[in-house]
C-alpha atoms as a PDB file:
ATOM      1  CA  MET A   1      93.703 323.976-108.482  1.00  0.00           C
ATOM      2  CA  ASN A   2      91.602 325.785-111.257  1.00  0.00           C
ATOM      3  CA  ARG A   3      88.737 324.484-113.409  1.00  0.00           C
ATOM      4  CA  SER A   4      91.119 323.540-116.196  1.00  0.00           C
ATOM      5  CA  SER A   5      93.505 321.068-114.076  1.00  0.00           C
ATOM      6  CA  LEU A   6      90.828 319.774-112.493  1.00  0.00           C
ATOM      7  CA  THR A   7      88.907 319.040-115.811  1.00  0.00           C
ATOM      8  CA  GLN A   8      92.290 317.401-116.936  1.00  0.00           C
ATOM      9  CA  LYS A   9      92.139 314.952-113.690  1.00  0.00           C
ATOM     10  CA  SER A  10      88.525 314.367-114.202  1.00  0.00           C
ATOM     11  CA  ILE A  11      89.059 313.044-117.695  1.00  0.00           C
ATOM     12  CA  VAL A  12      91.828 311.322-116.640  1.00  0.00           C
ATOM     13  CA  THR A  13      90.237 309.165-113.696  1.00  0.00           C
ATOM     14  CA  PHE A  14      87.476 308.592-116.072  1.00  0.00           C
ATOM     15  CA  ILE A  15      89.469 307.086-118.886  1.00  0.00           C
ATOM     16  CA  LEU A  16      91.729 304.732-115.725  1.00  0.00           C
ATOM     17  CA  VAL A  17      88.294 303.690-114.520  1.00  0.00           C
ATOM     18  CA  ALA A  18      86.299 302.864-117.855  1.00  0.00           C
ATOM     19  CA  PHE A  19      89.787 301.012-118.774  1.00  0.00           C
ATOM     20  CA  PHE A  20      89.776 298.703-115.803  1.00  0.00           C
ATOM     21  CA  GLY A  21      86.488 298.167-115.319  1.00  0.00           C
ATOM     22  CA  PHE A  22      86.480 297.472-118.946  1.00  0.00           C
ATOM     23  CA  TYR A  23      89.468 294.792-118.258  1.00  0.00           C
ATOM     24  CA  SER A  24      87.835 293.393-115.686  1.00  0.00           C
ATOM     25  CA  CYS A  25      84.555 292.718-117.581  1.00  0.00           C
ATOM     26  CA  LYS A  26      86.944 291.090-120.130  1.00  0.00           C
ATOM     27  CA  GLN A  27      88.653 288.492-117.159  1.00  0.00           C
ATOM     28  CA  ASN A  28      85.701 287.816-115.102  1.00  0.00           C
ATOM     29  CA  PRO A  29      83.788 285.678-118.205  1.00  0.00           C
ATOM     30  CA  LYS A  30      87.484 283.460-118.322  1.00  0.00           C
ATOM     31  CA  LYS A  31      87.342 283.054-114.797  1.00  0.00           C
ATOM     32  CA  ASP A  32      83.818 281.700-114.859  1.00  0.00           C
ATOM     33  CA  SER A  33      84.622 279.601-117.494  1.00  0.00           C
ATOM     34  CA  LYS A  34      87.341 278.366-116.248  1.00  0.00           C
ATOM     35  CA  GLU A  35      85.587 277.358-112.755  1.00  0.00           C
ATOM     36  CA  GLU A  36      82.379 275.825-115.048  1.00  0.00           C
ATOM     37  CA  ALA A  37      84.958 273.778-117.376  1.00  0.00           C
ATOM     38  CA  THR A  38      86.914 272.526-113.666  1.00  0.00           C
ATOM     39  CA  THR A  39      83.096 271.095-112.512  1.00  0.00           C
ATOM     40  CA  GLU A  40      82.495 269.185-115.462  1.00  0.00           C
ATOM     41  CA  GLU A  41      85.782 267.676-114.931  1.00  0.00           C
ATOM     42  CA  VAL A  42      85.079 266.713-111.837  1.00  0.00           C
ATOM     43  CA  ALA A  43      81.508 265.718-112.702  1.00  0.00           C
ATOM     44  CA  ALA A  44      82.914 263.420-115.799  1.00  0.00           C
ATOM     45  CA  GLU A  45      85.787 262.151-112.974  1.00  0.00           C
ATOM     46  CA  GLU A  46      82.767 260.678-110.574  1.00  0.00           C
ATOM     47  CA  SER A  47      80.665 259.841-113.246  1.00  0.00           C
ATOM     48  CA  LYS A  48      83.623 257.049-114.354  1.00  0.00           C
ATOM     49  CA  PRO A  49      83.032 253.586-113.357  1.00  0.00           C
ATOM     50  CA  ASP A  50      84.951 252.186-110.575  1.00  0.00           C
ATOM     51  CA  ILE A  51      87.085 249.855-112.847  1.00  0.00           C
ATOM     52  CA  LYS A  52      90.329 247.994-111.697  1.00  0.00           C
ATOM     53  CA  LEU A  53      92.942 246.058-113.547  1.00  0.00           C
ATOM     54  CA  SER A  54      93.846 242.349-112.635  1.00  0.00           C
ATOM     55  CA  LEU A  55      95.946 239.742-113.652  1.00  0.00           C
ATOM     56  CA  ALA A  56      94.967 236.485-114.967  1.00  0.00           C
ATOM     57  CA  GLN A  57      97.581 234.264-113.802  1.00  0.00           C
ATOM     58  CA  TRP A  58      96.921 232.218-117.149  1.00  0.00           C
ATOM     59  CA  SER A  59      98.651 235.071-118.992  1.00  0.00           C
ATOM     60  CA  ILE A  60     102.046 233.797-117.747  1.00  0.00           C
ATOM     61  CA  HIS A  61     101.374 230.313-118.055  1.00  0.00           C
ATOM     62  CA  LYS A  62     104.274 230.247-120.804  1.00  0.00           C
ATOM     63  CA  MET A  63     106.473 231.539-118.238  1.00  0.00           C
ATOM     64  CA  ILE A  64     105.731 229.066-115.857  1.00  0.00           C
ATOM     65  CA  LEU A  65     104.983 225.969-117.754  1.00  0.00           C
ATOM     66  CA  GLU A  66     107.734 226.443-120.151  1.00  0.00           C
ATOM     67  CA  GLU A  67     110.440 228.736-118.910  1.00  0.00           C
ATOM     68  CA  GLY A  68     110.327 227.118-115.606  1.00  0.00           C
ATOM     69  CA  ALA A  69     109.169 230.433-113.648  1.00  0.00           C
ATOM     70  CA  ASP A  70     108.172 229.716-110.080  1.00  0.00           C
ATOM     71  CA  PRO A  71     104.092 230.010-110.129  1.00  0.00           C
ATOM     72  CA  TYR A  72     104.387 232.128-106.725  1.00  0.00           C
ATOM     73  CA  THR A  73     106.256 235.470-108.406  1.00  0.00           C
ATOM     74  CA  PHE A  74     102.439 235.971-109.773  1.00  0.00           C
ATOM     75  CA  ALA A  75     102.086 238.477-107.257  1.00  0.00           C
ATOM     76  CA  GLU A  76     105.575 239.973-107.634  1.00  0.00           C
ATOM     77  CA  LYS A  77     105.307 240.070-111.561  1.00  0.00           C
ATOM     78  CA  ALA A  78     101.686 241.698-110.952  1.00  0.00           C
ATOM     79  CA  SER A  79     102.709 244.235-108.800  1.00  0.00           C
ATOM     80  CA  GLU A  80     105.709 245.285-111.147  1.00  0.00           C
ATOM     81  CA  TRP A  81     103.008 245.535-114.430  1.00  0.00           C
ATOM     82  CA  GLY A  82     100.802 248.053-112.110  1.00  0.00           C
ATOM     83  CA  PHE A  83      97.906 245.521-111.742  1.00  0.00           C
ATOM     84  CA  GLU A  84      95.488 245.738-108.447  1.00  0.00           C
ATOM     85  CA  GLY A  85      93.901 242.148-108.491  1.00  0.00           C
ATOM     86  CA  LEU A  86      95.320 238.798-108.906  1.00  0.00           C
ATOM     87  CA  GLU A  87      93.097 235.901-110.650  1.00  0.00           C
ATOM     88  CA  TYR A  88      94.714 232.887-109.765  1.00  0.00           C
ATOM     89  CA  VAL A  89      95.082 229.456-112.278  1.00  0.00           C
ATOM     90  CA  SER A  90      94.908 226.553-109.718  1.00  0.00           C
ATOM     91  CA  ALA A  91      96.510 223.830-112.746  1.00  0.00           C
ATOM     92  CA  LEU A  92      99.408 225.820-112.718  1.00  0.00           C
ATOM     93  CA  TYR A  93     100.668 224.814-109.175  1.00  0.00           C
ATOM     94  CA  TYR A  94      99.292 221.034-109.791  1.00  0.00           C
ATOM     95  CA  LYS A  95     102.605 219.585-110.356  1.00  0.00           C
ATOM     96  CA  GLU A  96     103.436 220.573-106.627  1.00  0.00           C
ATOM     97  CA  LEU A  97      99.995 219.356-105.106  1.00  0.00           C
ATOM     98  CA  GLN A  98      98.964 216.702-107.422  1.00  0.00           C
ATOM     99  CA  ALA A  99     102.427 214.875-105.822  1.00  0.00           C
ATOM    100  CA  ALA A 100     101.079 215.146-101.999  1.00  0.00           C
ATOM    101  CA  ASN A 101      97.390 214.080-103.726  1.00  0.00           C
ATOM    102  CA  PHE A 102      95.893 217.400-102.605  1.00  0.00           C
ATOM    103  CA  SER A 103      96.673 216.611 -99.358  1.00  0.00           C
ATOM    104  CA  GLU A 104      94.909 219.561 -96.391  1.00  0.00           C
ATOM    105  CA  GLU A 105      98.393 220.098 -95.566  1.00  0.00           C
ATOM    106  CA  ALA A 106      99.377 220.927 -99.287  1.00  0.00           C
ATOM    107  CA  MET A 107      96.749 222.966 -99.629  1.00  0.00           C
ATOM    108  CA  ASN A 108      97.376 225.346 -96.334  1.00  0.00           C
ATOM    109  CA  ASN A 109     100.632 225.527 -98.041  1.00  0.00           C
ATOM    110  CA  TRP A 110      99.740 227.006-101.153  1.00  0.00           C
ATOM    111  CA  VAL A 111      97.015 229.302 -99.578  1.00  0.00           C
ATOM    112  CA  GLU A 112      99.691 230.885 -97.095  1.00  0.00           C
ATOM    113  CA  LYS A 113     102.582 230.952 -99.360  1.00  0.00           C
ATOM    114  CA  SER A 114      99.735 232.763-102.089  1.00  0.00           C
ATOM    115  CA  LYS A 115      98.447 234.819 -99.234  1.00  0.00           C
ATOM    116  CA  ALA A 116     102.020 236.006 -98.157  1.00  0.00           C
ATOM    117  CA  GLU A 117     103.115 237.215-101.701  1.00  0.00           C
ATOM    118  CA  SER A 118      99.668 238.997-102.344  1.00  0.00           C
ATOM    119  CA  GLU A 119     100.048 240.731 -99.321  1.00  0.00           C
ATOM    120  CA  LYS A 120     103.619 241.574 -99.549  1.00  0.00           C
ATOM    121  CA  TYR A 121     102.868 243.269-103.072  1.00  0.00           C
ATOM    122  CA  GLY A 122      99.569 244.822-101.873  1.00  0.00           C
ATOM    123  CA  LEU A 123      97.319 243.304-104.390  1.00  0.00           C
ATOM    124  CA  LYS A 124      94.043 241.786-103.507  1.00  0.00           C
ATOM    125  CA  ASN A 125      92.870 238.516-103.966  1.00  0.00           C
ATOM    126  CA  LEU A 126      89.791 237.738-106.435  1.00  0.00           C
ATOM    127  CA  LEU A 127      89.379 234.618-107.791  1.00  0.00           C
ATOM    128  CA  ILE A 128      90.613 231.055-108.670  1.00  0.00           C
ATOM    129  CA  MET A 129      90.326 229.273-112.214  1.00  0.00           C
ATOM    130  CA  VAL A 130      89.791 225.713-111.142  1.00  0.00           C
ATOM    131  CA  ASP A 131      90.550 222.990-113.928  1.00  0.00           C
ATOM    132  CA  GLY A 132      90.974 219.487-114.076  1.00  0.00           C
ATOM    133  CA  GLN A 133      88.634 218.841-111.103  1.00  0.00           C
ATOM    134  CA  GLY A 134      86.039 216.860-112.989  1.00  0.00           C
ATOM    135  CA  ASP A 135      83.351 217.252-114.810  1.00  0.00           C
ATOM    136  CA  ILE A 136      80.389 219.338-113.073  1.00  0.00           C
ATOM    137  CA  ALA A 137      77.659 218.739-116.038  1.00  0.00           C
ATOM    138  CA  VAL A 138      78.682 214.814-116.266  1.00  0.00           C
ATOM    139  CA  PRO A 139      74.914 213.533-116.586  1.00  0.00           C
ATOM    140  CA  ASP A 140      75.965 210.294-114.311  1.00  0.00           C
ATOM    141  CA  GLU A 141      75.141 211.661-110.750  1.00  0.00           C
ATOM    142  CA  GLY A 142      77.773 209.871-109.288  1.00  0.00           C
ATOM    143  CA  LYS A 143      80.395 210.530-111.304  1.00  0.00           C
ATOM    144  CA  ARG A 144      79.033 214.837-111.044  1.00  0.00           C
ATOM    145  CA  THR A 145      78.683 214.465-107.199  1.00  0.00           C
ATOM    146  CA  GLU A 146      82.269 213.083-107.516  1.00  0.00           C
ATOM    147  CA  ALA A 147      83.557 215.826-109.052  1.00  0.00           C
ATOM    148  CA  VAL A 148      81.573 218.948-107.578  1.00  0.00           C
ATOM    149  CA  GLU A 149      83.079 217.571-104.199  1.00  0.00           C
ATOM    150  CA  ASN A 150      86.432 217.458-105.747  1.00  0.00           C
ATOM    151  CA  HIS A 151      86.132 221.808-106.347  1.00  0.00           C
ATOM    152  CA  TYR A 152      85.425 221.724-102.463  1.00  0.00           C
ATOM    153  CA  LYS A 153      88.680 221.993-101.225  1.00  0.00           C
ATOM    154  CA  TRP A 154      89.199 225.120-103.780  1.00  0.00           C
ATOM    155  CA  VAL A 155      86.044 226.821-102.319  1.00  0.00           C
ATOM    156  CA  ASP A 156      88.257 226.591 -99.102  1.00  0.00           C
ATOM    157  CA  ALA A 157      90.850 227.407-100.551  1.00  0.00           C
ATOM    158  CA  ALA A 158      89.561 230.620-101.913  1.00  0.00           C
ATOM    159  CA  ALA A 159      87.972 231.745 -98.588  1.00  0.00           C
ATOM    160  CA  ALA A 160      91.317 231.304 -97.110  1.00  0.00           C
ATOM    161  CA  LEU A 161      92.605 233.286 -99.427  1.00  0.00           C
ATOM    162  CA  GLY A 162      90.244 236.230 -99.233  1.00  0.00           C
ATOM    163  CA  CYS A 163      88.869 235.247-102.688  1.00  0.00           C
ATOM    164  CA  HIS A 164      85.142 236.127-104.109  1.00  0.00           C
ATOM    165  CA  SER A 165      84.811 233.543-106.438  1.00  0.00           C
ATOM    166  CA  ILE A 166      86.193 230.244-108.203  1.00  0.00           C
ATOM    167  CA  ARG A 167      85.794 229.687-111.602  1.00  0.00           C
ATOM    168  CA  VAL A 168      84.455 226.381-112.795  1.00  0.00           C
ATOM    169  CA  ASN A 169      83.944 224.828-115.890  1.00  0.00           C
ATOM    170  CA  LEU A 170      80.695 223.149-116.936  1.00  0.00           C
ATOM    171  CA  ASN A 171      82.260 219.973-119.170  1.00  0.00           C
ATOM    172  CA  GLY A 172      80.950 216.890-119.610  1.00  0.00           C
ATOM    173  CA  SER A 173      78.491 216.777-122.165  1.00  0.00           C
ATOM    174  CA  MET A 174      78.035 218.537-125.557  1.00  0.00           C
ATOM    175  CA  GLU A 175      74.299 217.429-125.852  1.00  0.00           C
ATOM    176  CA  PRO A 176      72.254 220.483-124.635  1.00  0.00           C
ATOM    177  CA  GLU A 177      69.249 218.656-123.612  1.00  0.00           C
ATOM    178  CA  VAL A 178      71.686 216.560-121.086  1.00  0.00           C
ATOM    179  CA  TRP A 179      74.175 219.284-120.316  1.00  0.00           C
ATOM    180  CA  MET A 180      71.480 222.049-119.215  1.00  0.00           C
ATOM    181  CA  PRO A 181      70.119 220.022-116.249  1.00  0.00           C
ATOM    182  CA  ALA A 182      73.633 218.541-115.623  1.00  0.00           C
ATOM    183  CA  SER A 183      74.935 221.837-115.005  1.00  0.00           C
ATOM    184  CA  VAL A 184      71.759 223.366-113.440  1.00  0.00           C
ATOM    185  CA  ALA A 185      72.690 220.010-110.157  1.00  0.00           C
ATOM    186  CA  GLY A 186      75.989 220.350-110.400  1.00  0.00           C
ATOM    187  CA  LEU A 187      76.505 224.188-109.894  1.00  0.00           C
ATOM    188  CA  LYS A 188      73.340 223.986-107.197  1.00  0.00           C
ATOM    189  CA  GLN A 189      75.172 221.341-104.882  1.00  0.00           C
ATOM    190  CA  LEU A 190      78.778 223.258-104.933  1.00  0.00           C
ATOM    191  CA  ALA A 191      77.074 226.788-105.131  1.00  0.00           C
ATOM    192  CA  THR A 192      75.017 225.370-101.270  1.00  0.00           C
ATOM    193  CA  TYR A 193      78.759 224.313-100.206  1.00  0.00           C
ATOM    194  CA  ALA A 194      79.958 227.717-101.219  1.00  0.00           C
ATOM    195  CA  LYS A 195      77.337 230.176 -99.600  1.00  0.00           C
ATOM    196  CA  ASP A 196      78.138 229.614 -96.156  1.00  0.00           C
ATOM    197  CA  LYS A 197      82.276 230.478 -97.016  1.00  0.00           C
ATOM    198  CA  ASN A 198      80.974 233.651 -98.972  1.00  0.00           C
ATOM    199  CA  ILE A 199      82.369 232.350-102.139  1.00  0.00           C
ATOM    200  CA  ASN A 200      80.700 232.642-105.367  1.00  0.00           C
ATOM    201  CA  ILE A 201      80.720 229.554-108.004  1.00  0.00           C
ATOM    202  CA  ILE A 202      81.347 231.484-111.139  1.00  0.00           C
ATOM    203  CA  VAL A 203      81.317 229.776-115.101  1.00  0.00           C
ATOM    204  CA  GLU A 204      83.336 231.163-118.014  1.00  0.00           C
ATOM    205  CA  ASN A 205      82.001 230.719-121.638  1.00  0.00           C
ATOM    206  CA  HIS A 206      84.743 227.860-121.869  1.00  0.00           C
ATOM    207  CA  GLY A 207      84.106 225.724-124.630  1.00  0.00           C
ATOM    208  CA  GLY A 208      81.234 223.297-126.015  1.00  0.00           C
ATOM    209  CA  PRO A 209      77.723 224.373-124.524  1.00  0.00           C
ATOM    210  CA  SER A 210      79.111 226.899-122.630  1.00  0.00           C
ATOM    211  CA  SER A 211      80.009 229.345-124.870  1.00  0.00           C
ATOM    212  CA  ASN A 212      76.533 229.388-125.985  1.00  0.00           C
ATOM    213  CA  ALA A 213      75.707 232.435-124.099  1.00  0.00           C
ATOM    214  CA  GLN A 214      72.373 232.381-124.120  1.00  0.00           C
ATOM    215  CA  MET A 215      72.054 228.756-122.592  1.00  0.00           C
ATOM    216  CA  LEU A 216      74.434 229.453-120.022  1.00  0.00           C
ATOM    217  CA  ALA A 217      72.509 232.697-119.276  1.00  0.00           C
ATOM    218  CA  GLU A 218      69.042 230.046-118.772  1.00  0.00           C
ATOM    219  CA  VAL A 219      71.271 228.051-116.733  1.00  0.00           C
ATOM    220  CA  MET A 220      72.051 230.870-114.407  1.00  0.00           C
ATOM    221  CA  ASP A 221      68.461 231.306-114.356  1.00  0.00           C
ATOM    222  CA  LYS A 222      67.587 227.965-113.516  1.00  0.00           C
ATOM    223  CA  VAL A 223      70.391 227.757-110.920  1.00  0.00           C
ATOM    224  CA  GLY A 224      68.712 230.768-109.088  1.00  0.00           C
ATOM    225  CA  MET A 225      71.460 231.895-106.198  1.00  0.00           C
ATOM    226  CA  ASP A 226      72.713 234.751-105.414  1.00  0.00           C
ATOM    227  CA  ASN A 227      76.036 232.867-105.177  1.00  0.00           C
ATOM    228  CA  CYS A 228      76.150 231.563-108.539  1.00  0.00           C
ATOM    229  CA  GLY A 229      77.079 233.558-111.865  1.00  0.00           C
ATOM    230  CA  THR A 230      79.399 233.960-114.710  1.00  0.00           C
ATOM    231  CA  LEU A 231      83.021 235.194-115.899  1.00  0.00           C
ATOM    232  CA  PRO A 232      82.368 236.534-119.448  1.00  0.00           C
ATOM    233  CA  ASP A 233      85.260 235.815-121.570  1.00  0.00           C
ATOM    234  CA  PHE A 234      85.678 238.277-124.162  1.00  0.00           C
ATOM    235  CA  GLY A 235      87.349 235.789-126.481  1.00  0.00           C
ATOM    236  CA  ASN A 236      85.914 232.224-125.532  1.00  0.00           C
ATOM    237  CA  PHE A 237      82.981 231.934-128.361  1.00  0.00           C
ATOM    238  CA  CYS A 238      83.824 228.587-129.814  1.00  0.00           C
ATOM    239  CA  ILE A 239      80.522 226.820-129.605  1.00  0.00           C
ATOM    240  CA  LYS A 240      81.856 223.873-132.278  1.00  0.00           C
ATOM    241  CA  ARG A 241      85.252 222.211-133.049  1.00  0.00           C
ATOM    242  CA  GLU A 242      86.216 220.373-135.497  1.00  0.00           C
ATOM    243  CA  GLU A 243      87.080 217.040-133.427  1.00  0.00           C
ATOM    244  CA  GLY A 244      84.159 218.139-131.065  1.00  0.00           C
ATOM    245  CA  ASP A 245      86.283 218.936-128.007  1.00  0.00           C
ATOM    246  CA  TYR A 246      86.415 222.078-125.806  1.00  0.00           C
ATOM    247  CA  TYR A 247      89.522 223.894-126.729  1.00  0.00           C
ATOM    248  CA  SER A 248      92.131 222.447-129.174  1.00  0.00           C
ATOM    249  CA  SER A 249      91.266 221.858-132.471  1.00  0.00           C
ATOM    250  CA  LYS A 250      89.825 224.409-135.302  1.00  0.00           C
ATOM    251  CA  CYS A 251      86.771 226.116-134.450  1.00  0.00           C
ATOM    252  CA  LEU A 252      83.820 226.005-137.111  1.00  0.00           C
ATOM    253  CA  GLU A 253      81.733 227.889-135.239  1.00  0.00           C
ATOM    254  CA  GLU A 254      81.289 230.954-133.119  1.00  0.00           C
ATOM    255  CA  TYR A 255      79.020 232.493-130.973  1.00  0.00           C
ATOM    256  CA  ASP A 256      78.641 236.531-131.604  1.00  0.00           C
ATOM    257  CA  ARG A 257      81.019 237.878-129.127  1.00  0.00           C
ATOM    258  CA  TYR A 258      79.194 240.706-128.317  1.00  0.00           C
ATOM    259  CA  LYS A 259      75.726 239.200-128.190  1.00  0.00           C
ATOM    260  CA  GLY A 260      77.042 236.631-125.924  1.00  0.00           C
ATOM    261  CA  THR A 261      78.297 239.274-123.845  1.00  0.00           C
ATOM    262  CA  LYS A 262      75.653 240.889-123.501  1.00  0.00           C
ATOM    263  CA  GLU A 263      73.646 238.117-122.545  1.00  0.00           C
ATOM    264  CA  LEU A 264      76.396 236.887-119.425  1.00  0.00           C
ATOM    265  CA  MET A 265      76.457 240.312-118.069  1.00  0.00           C
ATOM    266  CA  PRO A 266      73.396 240.437-116.035  1.00  0.00           C
ATOM    267  CA  TYR A 267      75.145 237.449-114.237  1.00  0.00           C
ATOM    268  CA  ALA A 268      78.670 238.818-114.137  1.00  0.00           C
ATOM    269  CA  LYS A 269      81.048 238.812-110.611  1.00  0.00           C
ATOM    270  CA  GLY A 270      83.886 239.090-112.802  1.00  0.00           C
ATOM    271  CA  VAL A 271      85.275 240.004-116.478  1.00  0.00           C
ATOM    272  CA  SER A 272      87.766 238.214-118.398  1.00  0.00           C
ATOM    273  CA  ALA A 273      89.132 241.164-121.075  1.00  0.00           C
ATOM    274  CA  LYS A 274      90.479 238.267-123.016  1.00  0.00           C
ATOM    275  CA  SER A 275      93.656 239.338-126.298  1.00  0.00           C
ATOM    276  CA  TYR A 276      95.674 237.873-128.758  1.00  0.00           C
ATOM    277  CA  SER A 277      97.359 240.123-131.696  1.00  0.00           C
ATOM    278  CA  PHE A 278      97.490 243.933-131.820  1.00  0.00           C
ATOM    279  CA  ASP A 279      97.589 246.291-134.334  1.00  0.00           C
ATOM    280  CA  GLU A 280     100.229 249.187-134.974  1.00  0.00           C
ATOM    281  CA  GLU A 281      97.726 251.519-133.067  1.00  0.00           C
ATOM    282  CA  GLY A 282      97.689 249.182-130.402  1.00  0.00           C
ATOM    283  CA  ASN A 283      94.038 247.809-130.994  1.00  0.00           C
ATOM    284  CA  GLU A 284      93.379 244.380-130.379  1.00  0.00           C
ATOM    285  CA  THR A 285      92.430 242.837-133.808  1.00  0.00           C
ATOM    286  CA  ARG A 286      90.038 240.092-132.743  1.00  0.00           C
ATOM    287  CA  VAL A 287      87.965 241.697-130.312  1.00  0.00           C
ATOM    288  CA  ASP A 288      86.431 245.507-130.436  1.00  0.00           C
ATOM    289  CA  TYR A 289      87.601 246.682-127.199  1.00  0.00           C
ATOM    290  CA  PRO A 290      85.505 249.900-127.143  1.00  0.00           C
ATOM    291  CA  ARG A 291      82.544 248.282-128.795  1.00  0.00           C
ATOM    292  CA  ILE A 292      82.572 245.226-125.724  1.00  0.00           C
ATOM    293  CA  MET A 293      83.886 247.436-122.914  1.00  0.00           C
ATOM    294  CA  GLU A 294      80.897 249.695-123.669  1.00  0.00           C
ATOM    295  CA  ILE A 295      78.651 246.766-123.433  1.00  0.00           C
ATOM    296  CA  VAL A 296      80.173 246.058-120.115  1.00  0.00           C
ATOM    297  CA  LEU A 297      79.745 249.089-118.683  1.00  0.00           C
ATOM    298  CA  ASP A 298      76.374 249.606-120.095  1.00  0.00           C
ATOM    299  CA  ALA A 299      75.673 246.664-117.705  1.00  0.00           C
ATOM    300  CA  GLY A 300      76.279 248.751-114.616  1.00  0.00           C
ATOM    301  CA  TYR A 301      79.199 246.418-114.048  1.00  0.00           C
ATOM    302  CA  GLU A 302      81.758 247.829-111.323  1.00  0.00           C
ATOM    303  CA  GLY A 303      84.822 246.017-110.103  1.00  0.00           C
ATOM    304  CA  PHE A 304      87.923 244.112-111.725  1.00  0.00           C
ATOM    305  CA  VAL A 305      88.588 243.284-115.041  1.00  0.00           C
ATOM    306  CA  GLY A 306      90.896 241.138-115.489  1.00  0.00           C
ATOM    307  CA  VAL A 307      94.019 241.060-118.519  1.00  0.00           C
ATOM    308  CA  GLU A 308      94.195 237.651-119.759  1.00  0.00           C
ATOM    309  CA  TYR A 309      96.421 237.571-122.931  1.00  0.00           C
ATOM    310  CA  GLU A 310      96.681 234.473-125.049  1.00  0.00           C
ATOM    311  CA  GLY A 311      98.617 235.450-127.795  1.00  0.00           C
ATOM    312  CA  SER A 312     101.431 234.599-129.709  1.00  0.00           C
ATOM    313  CA  GLU A 313     103.179 237.272-131.872  1.00  0.00           C
ATOM    314  CA  LEU A 314     104.341 239.348-128.715  1.00  0.00           C
ATOM    315  CA  SER A 315     106.231 237.709-125.365  1.00  0.00           C
ATOM    316  CA  GLU A 316     103.883 237.405-122.431  1.00  0.00           C
ATOM    317  CA  GLU A 317     104.971 240.493-121.032  1.00  0.00           C
ATOM    318  CA  GLU A 318     104.524 242.651-124.264  1.00  0.00           C
ATOM    319  CA  GLY A 319     101.183 241.254-124.758  1.00  0.00           C
ATOM    320  CA  ILE A 320      99.777 241.728-121.232  1.00  0.00           C
ATOM    321  CA  LEU A 321     101.179 245.444-120.939  1.00  0.00           C
ATOM    322  CA  ALA A 322      99.475 246.058-124.637  1.00  0.00           C
ATOM    323  CA  THR A 323      96.086 244.717-123.350  1.00  0.00           C
ATOM    324  CA  LYS A 324      96.592 246.748-119.728  1.00  0.00           C
ATOM    325  CA  LYS A 325      97.463 249.956-122.056  1.00  0.00           C
ATOM    326  CA  LEU A 326      94.399 249.348-124.474  1.00  0.00           C
ATOM    327  CA  LEU A 327      92.056 249.210-121.679  1.00  0.00           C
ATOM    328  CA  GLU A 328      93.071 251.872-119.528  1.00  0.00           C
ATOM    329  CA  ARG A 329      92.597 253.906-123.053  1.00  0.00           C
ATOM    330  CA  VAL A 330      89.432 253.106-123.542  1.00  0.00           C
ATOM    331  CA  LEU A 331      88.058 253.268-119.875  1.00  0.00           C
ATOM    332  CA  GLU A 332      89.582 257.076-120.645  1.00  0.00           C
END
């Protein structure tokens, strides 16, 4: 090989090395950038709060009470719609249970059938919303004790079903100075019974003084028991109605829902995502979901958030799915 050919070969080799070296340098930053992005995505995924979605059975109360749907299809419907947990409503089974005078046999049958359905569809039983069993916050001690004891069978049912809580109402008086001590006394008695059964007694802001979140939080402080807490509801903040009732007549005064949610979250053992109507973009028209869910998450809450559709513009199924979709979007 002569010098000329050697020189030419050296030049070609130099050019090739330089080219591939430059190409390699150009590629490495992309690889590093990709790896870095992947790491950031993993970190973001790991930092997401552990929130699962459950279905409040009240969302299908029209199907059951007006259209004749079997309440025991609750688990089947919730599974079909993509939920992981169940929140039962006691009143949707009262036609059957009242006919049997809430006998032990009837209650056990309710538990067995409900549990079988939840297991069939692989869903978690979370809580029972108990209504119509007497006023826990009534000032008369005898009537209050009777009401509290009426709830015992639901504590037992919740324990047998594998739930963590029963939700109760604090009805009995509209006067705060009467309502508060009666509420504390009633909750202490019921929570004491429920404690040994590992069941929580939780209170929803659900009309009257209980919708004043500041006062309900004060009740929680006065009760001071680990198994007594709240179920913040995004919608039930009416503190004064036209006819002085709890739920039905026109609302005259409403407690600030965002302030109220923030005040109730330190005691929360569940969250009720109430919805009524939606705009064209799928946002709830009464509740700012991004804002209120930020309050929930900022409180460090992890667990189930229950979808509770209570509107009339959409069918119950459409409203449930719209609420679920909105929550999933907000959580992302």
